[in-house]
């Protein structure tokens, strides 16, 4: 498995992307809007290809400890097979296609309750 990205909840995705690109040298990668149209997700990539997903919270900046980030994502060959095989500690979302993101995903919890997204690219 490979680490694909870490998702950070941010007050303004565009402003945060600008910071990572202009100040830290990341590359503006891609973006998508949630299917309900409520959340913009911007991606910026480091030189090694690992991305940060910047999930717009529409100005929210007062996060409880541990809520300023959302999940880590790992690439898998088969989302369904990995979901069944991994000894997870909770189900957040069972495998489902995410056409806007071009992937089939599932979300599980690690032993400490951190959310891990399993990502299988779909064409």
N, C-alpha and C. Protein backbone atom coordinates (compact mmCIF):
# COMPACT_ATOMS: atom_id res chain seq x y z
N UNK A 1 0.84 -1.18 0.00
CA UNK A 1 0.00 0.00 0.00
C UNK A 1 0.88 1.24 0.00
N UNK A 2 0.37 2.29 -0.60
CA UNK A 2 1.09 3.56 -0.66
C UNK A 2 0.26 4.64 -0.01
N UNK A 3 0.92 5.56 0.69
CA UNK A 3 0.24 6.74 1.20
C UNK A 3 -0.04 7.66 0.03
N UNK A 4 -1.30 8.06 -0.12
CA UNK A 4 -1.69 8.92 -1.24
C UNK A 4 -1.81 10.36 -0.79
N UNK A 5 -2.59 10.59 0.26
CA UNK A 5 -2.76 11.97 0.73
C UNK A 5 -3.24 11.98 2.17
N UNK A 6 -3.10 13.14 2.78
CA UNK A 6 -3.70 13.45 4.08
C UNK A 6 -4.66 14.59 3.85
N UNK A 7 -5.84 14.50 4.43
CA UNK A 7 -6.86 15.53 4.26
C UNK A 7 -6.84 16.47 5.46
N UNK A 8 -6.72 17.76 5.19
CA UNK A 8 -6.77 18.78 6.23
C UNK A 8 -8.03 19.61 6.06
N UNK A 9 -8.79 19.79 7.13
CA UNK A 9 -9.92 20.71 7.09
C UNK A 9 -9.37 22.13 7.20
N UNK A 10 -9.74 22.98 6.25
CA UNK A 10 -9.21 24.34 6.19
C UNK A 10 -10.34 25.34 6.03
N UNK A 11 -10.13 26.55 6.52
CA UNK A 11 -11.16 27.60 6.45
C UNK A 11 -11.43 28.04 5.02
N UNK A 12 -10.40 28.05 4.16
CA UNK A 12 -10.54 28.50 2.78
C UNK A 12 -9.57 27.69 1.93
N UNK A 13 -10.09 26.76 1.15
CA UNK A 13 -9.25 25.85 0.37
C UNK A 13 -8.36 26.59 -0.62
N UNK A 14 -8.89 27.63 -1.25
CA UNK A 14 -8.10 28.38 -2.23
C UNK A 14 -6.92 29.07 -1.56
N UNK A 15 -7.18 29.71 -0.44
CA UNK A 15 -6.10 30.39 0.29
C UNK A 15 -5.06 29.40 0.78
N UNK A 16 -5.51 28.28 1.30
CA UNK A 16 -4.57 27.26 1.79
C UNK A 16 -3.74 26.69 0.65
N UNK A 17 -4.38 26.43 -0.50
CA UNK A 17 -3.64 25.92 -1.65
C UNK A 17 -2.58 26.92 -2.08
N UNK A 18 -2.96 28.19 -2.10
CA UNK A 18 -2.00 29.24 -2.48
C UNK A 18 -0.79 29.22 -1.53
N UNK A 19 -1.02 29.05 -0.23
CA UNK A 19 0.08 28.99 0.74
C UNK A 19 1.01 27.82 0.43
N UNK A 20 0.44 26.62 0.25
CA UNK A 20 1.29 25.45 0.01
C UNK A 20 2.04 25.55 -1.31
N UNK A 21 1.42 26.15 -2.32
CA UNK A 21 2.07 26.29 -3.62
C UNK A 21 3.11 27.40 -3.59
N UNK A 22 2.71 28.60 -3.16
CA UNK A 22 3.60 29.75 -3.23
C UNK A 22 4.66 29.77 -2.13
N UNK A 23 4.32 29.32 -0.96
CA UNK A 23 5.24 29.41 0.18
C UNK A 23 6.09 28.15 0.37
N UNK A 24 5.52 26.99 0.04
CA UNK A 24 6.23 25.74 0.31
C UNK A 24 6.63 24.98 -0.94
N UNK A 25 6.27 25.49 -2.11
CA UNK A 25 6.72 24.88 -3.35
C UNK A 25 5.95 23.65 -3.80
N UNK A 26 4.78 23.40 -3.22
CA UNK A 26 3.95 22.30 -3.69
C UNK A 26 3.40 22.66 -5.07
N UNK A 27 2.90 21.66 -5.79
CA UNK A 27 2.28 21.89 -7.09
C UNK A 27 0.77 21.79 -6.95
N UNK A 28 0.06 22.77 -7.53
CA UNK A 28 -1.40 22.71 -7.54
C UNK A 28 -1.77 21.51 -8.40
N UNK A 29 -2.48 20.56 -7.82
CA UNK A 29 -2.68 19.28 -8.45
C UNK A 29 -4.03 19.14 -9.15
N UNK A 30 -5.12 19.15 -8.40
CA UNK A 30 -6.46 18.99 -8.95
C UNK A 30 -7.47 19.35 -7.88
N UNK A 31 -8.74 19.34 -8.25
CA UNK A 31 -9.77 19.65 -7.28
C UNK A 31 -11.08 18.99 -7.70
N UNK A 32 -11.98 18.88 -6.74
CA UNK A 32 -13.33 18.44 -7.05
C UNK A 32 -14.26 18.96 -5.97
N UNK A 33 -15.52 19.05 -6.32
CA UNK A 33 -16.55 19.50 -5.39
C UNK A 33 -17.36 18.28 -4.99
N UNK A 34 -17.74 18.19 -3.72
CA UNK A 34 -18.55 17.06 -3.26
C UNK A 34 -19.84 16.99 -4.08
N UNK A 35 -20.42 15.79 -4.15
CA UNK A 35 -21.62 15.60 -4.97
C UNK A 35 -22.77 16.50 -4.55
N UNK A 36 -22.83 16.84 -3.24
CA UNK A 36 -23.90 17.73 -2.78
C UNK A 36 -23.58 19.20 -3.03
N UNK A 37 -22.38 19.47 -3.56
CA UNK A 37 -21.98 20.83 -3.90
C UNK A 37 -21.59 21.69 -2.72
N UNK A 38 -21.46 21.08 -1.55
CA UNK A 38 -21.19 21.86 -0.34
C UNK A 38 -19.72 21.99 0.03
N UNK A 39 -18.87 21.10 -0.49
CA UNK A 39 -17.47 21.12 -0.06
C UNK A 39 -16.53 21.12 -1.25
N UNK A 40 -15.65 22.12 -1.30
CA UNK A 40 -14.59 22.15 -2.30
C UNK A 40 -13.39 21.43 -1.73
N UNK A 41 -12.79 20.58 -2.53
CA UNK A 41 -11.58 19.84 -2.14
C UNK A 41 -10.49 20.17 -3.13
N UNK A 42 -9.40 20.78 -2.65
CA UNK A 42 -8.25 21.13 -3.48
C UNK A 42 -7.10 20.22 -3.09
N UNK A 43 -6.30 19.83 -4.06
CA UNK A 43 -5.15 18.98 -3.82
C UNK A 43 -3.89 19.70 -4.25
N UNK A 44 -2.86 19.59 -3.42
CA UNK A 44 -1.52 20.09 -3.75
C UNK A 44 -0.56 18.94 -3.53
N UNK A 45 0.46 18.84 -4.40
CA UNK A 45 1.38 17.71 -4.35
C UNK A 45 2.80 18.15 -4.03
N UNK A 46 3.45 17.34 -3.18
CA UNK A 46 4.86 17.54 -2.89
C UNK A 46 5.68 16.97 -4.04
N UNK A 47 6.97 17.23 -4.05
CA UNK A 47 7.83 16.74 -5.13
C UNK A 47 7.79 15.22 -5.27
N UNK A 48 7.57 14.51 -4.17
CA UNK A 48 7.55 13.05 -4.23
C UNK A 48 6.18 12.50 -4.64
N UNK A 49 5.21 13.38 -4.94
CA UNK A 49 3.90 12.96 -5.40
C UNK A 49 2.85 12.81 -4.33
N UNK A 50 3.24 12.80 -3.05
CA UNK A 50 2.25 12.70 -1.98
C UNK A 50 1.47 14.01 -1.92
N UNK A 51 0.16 13.89 -1.78
CA UNK A 51 -0.70 15.07 -1.83
C UNK A 51 -1.30 15.42 -0.47
N UNK A 52 -1.64 16.69 -0.33
CA UNK A 52 -2.49 17.17 0.74
C UNK A 52 -3.84 17.49 0.12
N UNK A 53 -4.90 16.97 0.71
CA UNK A 53 -6.25 17.33 0.31
C UNK A 53 -6.69 18.43 1.26
N UNK A 54 -7.08 19.57 0.73
CA UNK A 54 -7.51 20.71 1.52
C UNK A 54 -9.02 20.82 1.39
N UNK A 55 -9.72 20.44 2.44
CA UNK A 55 -11.17 20.37 2.42
C UNK A 55 -11.75 21.63 3.05
N UNK A 56 -12.44 22.42 2.24
CA UNK A 56 -12.94 23.73 2.65
C UNK A 56 -14.06 23.61 3.69
N UNK A 57 -13.91 24.34 4.79
CA UNK A 57 -14.92 24.33 5.86
C UNK A 57 -15.72 25.63 5.88
N UNK A 58 -15.63 26.42 4.81
CA UNK A 58 -16.37 27.68 4.68
C UNK A 58 -16.13 28.62 5.85
N UNK A 59 -14.86 28.81 6.20
CA UNK A 59 -14.49 29.80 7.21
C UNK A 59 -14.33 29.26 8.61
N UNK A 60 -14.71 28.02 8.85
CA UNK A 60 -14.56 27.46 10.20
C UNK A 60 -13.08 27.35 10.53
N UNK A 61 -12.69 27.93 11.66
CA UNK A 61 -11.29 27.86 12.09
C UNK A 61 -11.15 27.36 13.52
N UNK A 62 -12.25 27.22 14.21
CA UNK A 62 -12.21 26.79 15.61
C UNK A 62 -12.45 25.29 15.68
N UNK A 63 -11.36 24.52 15.59
CA UNK A 63 -11.46 23.07 15.59
C UNK A 63 -11.16 22.51 16.97
N UNK A 64 -11.89 21.49 17.34
CA UNK A 64 -11.58 20.75 18.55
C UNK A 64 -10.26 20.02 18.31
N UNK A 65 -9.48 19.76 19.35
CA UNK A 65 -8.25 18.99 19.14
C UNK A 65 -8.55 17.71 18.38
N UNK A 66 -7.78 17.47 17.34
CA UNK A 66 -7.96 16.27 16.54
C UNK A 66 -8.93 16.41 15.39
N UNK A 67 -9.62 17.55 15.27
CA UNK A 67 -10.60 17.68 14.19
C UNK A 67 -10.09 18.53 13.03
N UNK A 68 -8.88 19.06 13.13
CA UNK A 68 -8.34 19.90 12.07
C UNK A 68 -7.87 19.07 10.88
N UNK A 69 -7.79 17.77 11.05
CA UNK A 69 -7.49 16.89 9.92
C UNK A 69 -8.59 15.86 9.86
N UNK A 70 -8.77 15.28 8.70
CA UNK A 70 -9.91 14.40 8.50
C UNK A 70 -9.52 12.94 8.37
N UNK A 71 -8.59 12.62 7.48
CA UNK A 71 -8.23 11.23 7.25
C UNK A 71 -6.92 11.12 6.49
N UNK A 72 -6.35 9.91 6.47
CA UNK A 72 -5.27 9.62 5.55
C UNK A 72 -5.83 8.67 4.50
N UNK A 73 -5.28 8.70 3.32
CA UNK A 73 -5.75 7.85 2.24
C UNK A 73 -4.62 6.95 1.77
N UNK A 74 -4.95 5.70 1.53
CA UNK A 74 -3.97 4.75 1.02
C UNK A 74 -4.52 4.12 -0.25
N UNK A 75 -3.65 3.93 -1.22
CA UNK A 75 -4.05 3.30 -2.47
C UNK A 75 -4.08 1.80 -2.32
N UNK A 76 -5.11 1.18 -2.85
CA UNK A 76 -5.26 -0.28 -2.81
C UNK A 76 -5.64 -0.77 -4.20
N UNK A 77 -5.34 -2.04 -4.49
CA UNK A 77 -5.72 -2.61 -5.79
C UNK A 77 -7.21 -2.81 -5.87
N UNK A 78 -7.82 -3.28 -4.79
CA UNK A 78 -9.26 -3.50 -4.74
C UNK A 78 -9.80 -2.98 -3.42
N UNK A 79 -10.65 -1.98 -3.49
CA UNK A 79 -11.24 -1.39 -2.29
C UNK A 79 -12.03 -2.45 -1.52
N UNK A 80 -12.82 -3.23 -2.23
CA UNK A 80 -13.66 -4.24 -1.58
C UNK A 80 -12.82 -5.32 -0.90
N UNK A 81 -11.78 -5.82 -1.60
CA UNK A 81 -10.93 -6.85 -1.02
C UNK A 81 -10.19 -6.34 0.21
N UNK A 82 -9.65 -5.12 0.11
CA UNK A 82 -8.92 -4.55 1.25
C UNK A 82 -9.86 -4.32 2.43
N UNK A 83 -11.07 -3.84 2.16
CA UNK A 83 -12.05 -3.59 3.21
C UNK A 83 -12.35 -4.89 3.97
N UNK A 84 -12.50 -5.97 3.25
CA UNK A 84 -12.79 -7.27 3.87
C UNK A 84 -11.59 -7.84 4.60
N UNK A 85 -10.37 -7.60 4.09
CA UNK A 85 -9.17 -8.22 4.64
C UNK A 85 -8.57 -7.49 5.83
N UNK A 86 -8.74 -6.19 5.90
CA UNK A 86 -8.09 -5.40 6.94
C UNK A 86 -8.82 -5.56 8.26
N UNK A 87 -8.05 -5.78 9.31
CA UNK A 87 -8.60 -5.89 10.67
C UNK A 87 -8.80 -4.49 11.21
N UNK A 88 -9.90 -3.84 10.78
CA UNK A 88 -10.14 -2.47 11.18
C UNK A 88 -10.89 -2.41 12.51
N UNK A 89 -11.00 -1.23 13.04
CA UNK A 89 -11.60 -1.04 14.37
C UNK A 89 -12.87 -0.22 14.30
N UNK A 90 -13.46 -0.18 13.15
CA UNK A 90 -14.71 0.54 12.97
C UNK A 90 -14.92 0.88 11.52
N UNK A 91 -16.17 0.92 11.12
CA UNK A 91 -16.54 1.26 9.74
C UNK A 91 -17.14 2.66 9.75
N UNK A 92 -16.55 3.54 8.94
CA UNK A 92 -17.10 4.88 8.76
C UNK A 92 -17.97 4.90 7.51
N UNK A 93 -17.49 4.27 6.42
CA UNK A 93 -18.26 4.17 5.18
C UNK A 93 -17.84 2.91 4.45
N UNK A 94 -18.79 2.09 4.09
CA UNK A 94 -18.50 0.88 3.33
C UNK A 94 -18.08 1.26 1.91
N UNK A 95 -17.47 0.32 1.17
CA UNK A 95 -17.02 0.64 -0.19
C UNK A 95 -18.14 1.19 -1.07
N UNK A 96 -17.80 2.25 -1.80
CA UNK A 96 -18.76 2.89 -2.71
C UNK A 96 -17.99 3.65 -3.78
N UNK A 97 -18.58 3.74 -4.96
CA UNK A 97 -17.97 4.52 -6.04
C UNK A 97 -18.13 6.01 -5.73
N UNK A 98 -17.07 6.77 -6.01
CA UNK A 98 -17.06 8.23 -5.87
C UNK A 98 -16.70 8.82 -7.23
N UNK A 99 -17.66 8.89 -8.14
CA UNK A 99 -17.36 9.34 -9.51
C UNK A 99 -16.65 10.69 -9.59
N UNK A 100 -16.99 11.63 -8.73
CA UNK A 100 -16.36 12.96 -8.78
C UNK A 100 -14.88 12.88 -8.49
N UNK A 101 -14.47 11.90 -7.69
CA UNK A 101 -13.06 11.73 -7.34
C UNK A 101 -12.38 10.68 -8.22
N UNK A 102 -13.15 10.00 -9.09
CA UNK A 102 -12.58 8.97 -9.95
C UNK A 102 -12.08 7.76 -9.20
N UNK A 103 -12.79 7.40 -8.12
CA UNK A 103 -12.31 6.31 -7.28
C UNK A 103 -13.45 5.56 -6.62
N UNK A 104 -13.15 4.33 -6.21
CA UNK A 104 -14.03 3.58 -5.31
C UNK A 104 -13.34 3.66 -3.96
N UNK A 105 -14.07 4.05 -2.94
CA UNK A 105 -13.46 4.29 -1.63
C UNK A 105 -14.25 3.63 -0.51
N UNK A 106 -13.55 3.44 0.59
CA UNK A 106 -14.17 3.02 1.85
C UNK A 106 -13.40 3.74 2.95
N UNK A 107 -14.06 3.97 4.07
CA UNK A 107 -13.42 4.63 5.20
C UNK A 107 -13.55 3.73 6.42
N UNK A 108 -12.41 3.47 7.08
CA UNK A 108 -12.38 2.64 8.27
C UNK A 108 -11.62 3.39 9.36
N UNK A 109 -11.64 2.86 10.58
CA UNK A 109 -10.90 3.47 11.68
C UNK A 109 -9.71 2.59 12.06
N UNK A 110 -8.62 3.26 12.46
CA UNK A 110 -7.47 2.53 12.99
C UNK A 110 -7.68 2.30 14.48
N UNK A 111 -6.74 1.69 15.17
CA UNK A 111 -6.94 1.39 16.59
C UNK A 111 -7.21 2.60 17.48
N UNK A 112 -6.74 3.78 17.05
CA UNK A 112 -6.95 4.99 17.84
C UNK A 112 -8.15 5.80 17.37
N UNK A 113 -8.90 5.27 16.41
CA UNK A 113 -10.06 5.98 15.90
C UNK A 113 -9.77 6.93 14.76
N UNK A 114 -8.50 6.98 14.29
CA UNK A 114 -8.18 7.81 13.13
C UNK A 114 -8.81 7.18 11.89
N UNK A 115 -9.31 8.02 11.01
CA UNK A 115 -9.98 7.54 9.82
C UNK A 115 -8.96 7.30 8.70
N UNK A 116 -9.08 6.13 8.06
CA UNK A 116 -8.23 5.75 6.94
C UNK A 116 -9.13 5.51 5.74
N UNK A 117 -8.84 6.19 4.63
CA UNK A 117 -9.59 6.00 3.39
C UNK A 117 -8.84 5.00 2.52
N UNK A 118 -9.55 3.99 2.03
CA UNK A 118 -9.01 3.03 1.08
C UNK A 118 -9.44 3.50 -0.30
N UNK A 119 -8.49 3.68 -1.22
CA UNK A 119 -8.77 4.27 -2.52
C UNK A 119 -8.36 3.33 -3.65
N UNK A 120 -9.33 2.98 -4.47
CA UNK A 120 -9.09 2.21 -5.68
C UNK A 120 -9.46 3.08 -6.87
N UNK A 121 -8.49 3.47 -7.70
CA UNK A 121 -8.83 4.30 -8.86
C UNK A 121 -9.79 3.56 -9.79
N UNK A 122 -10.77 4.30 -10.32
CA UNK A 122 -11.66 3.74 -11.34
C UNK A 122 -11.53 4.58 -12.59
N UNK A 123 -11.73 3.96 -13.70
CA UNK A 123 -11.56 4.64 -14.98
C UNK A 123 -12.90 5.08 -15.51
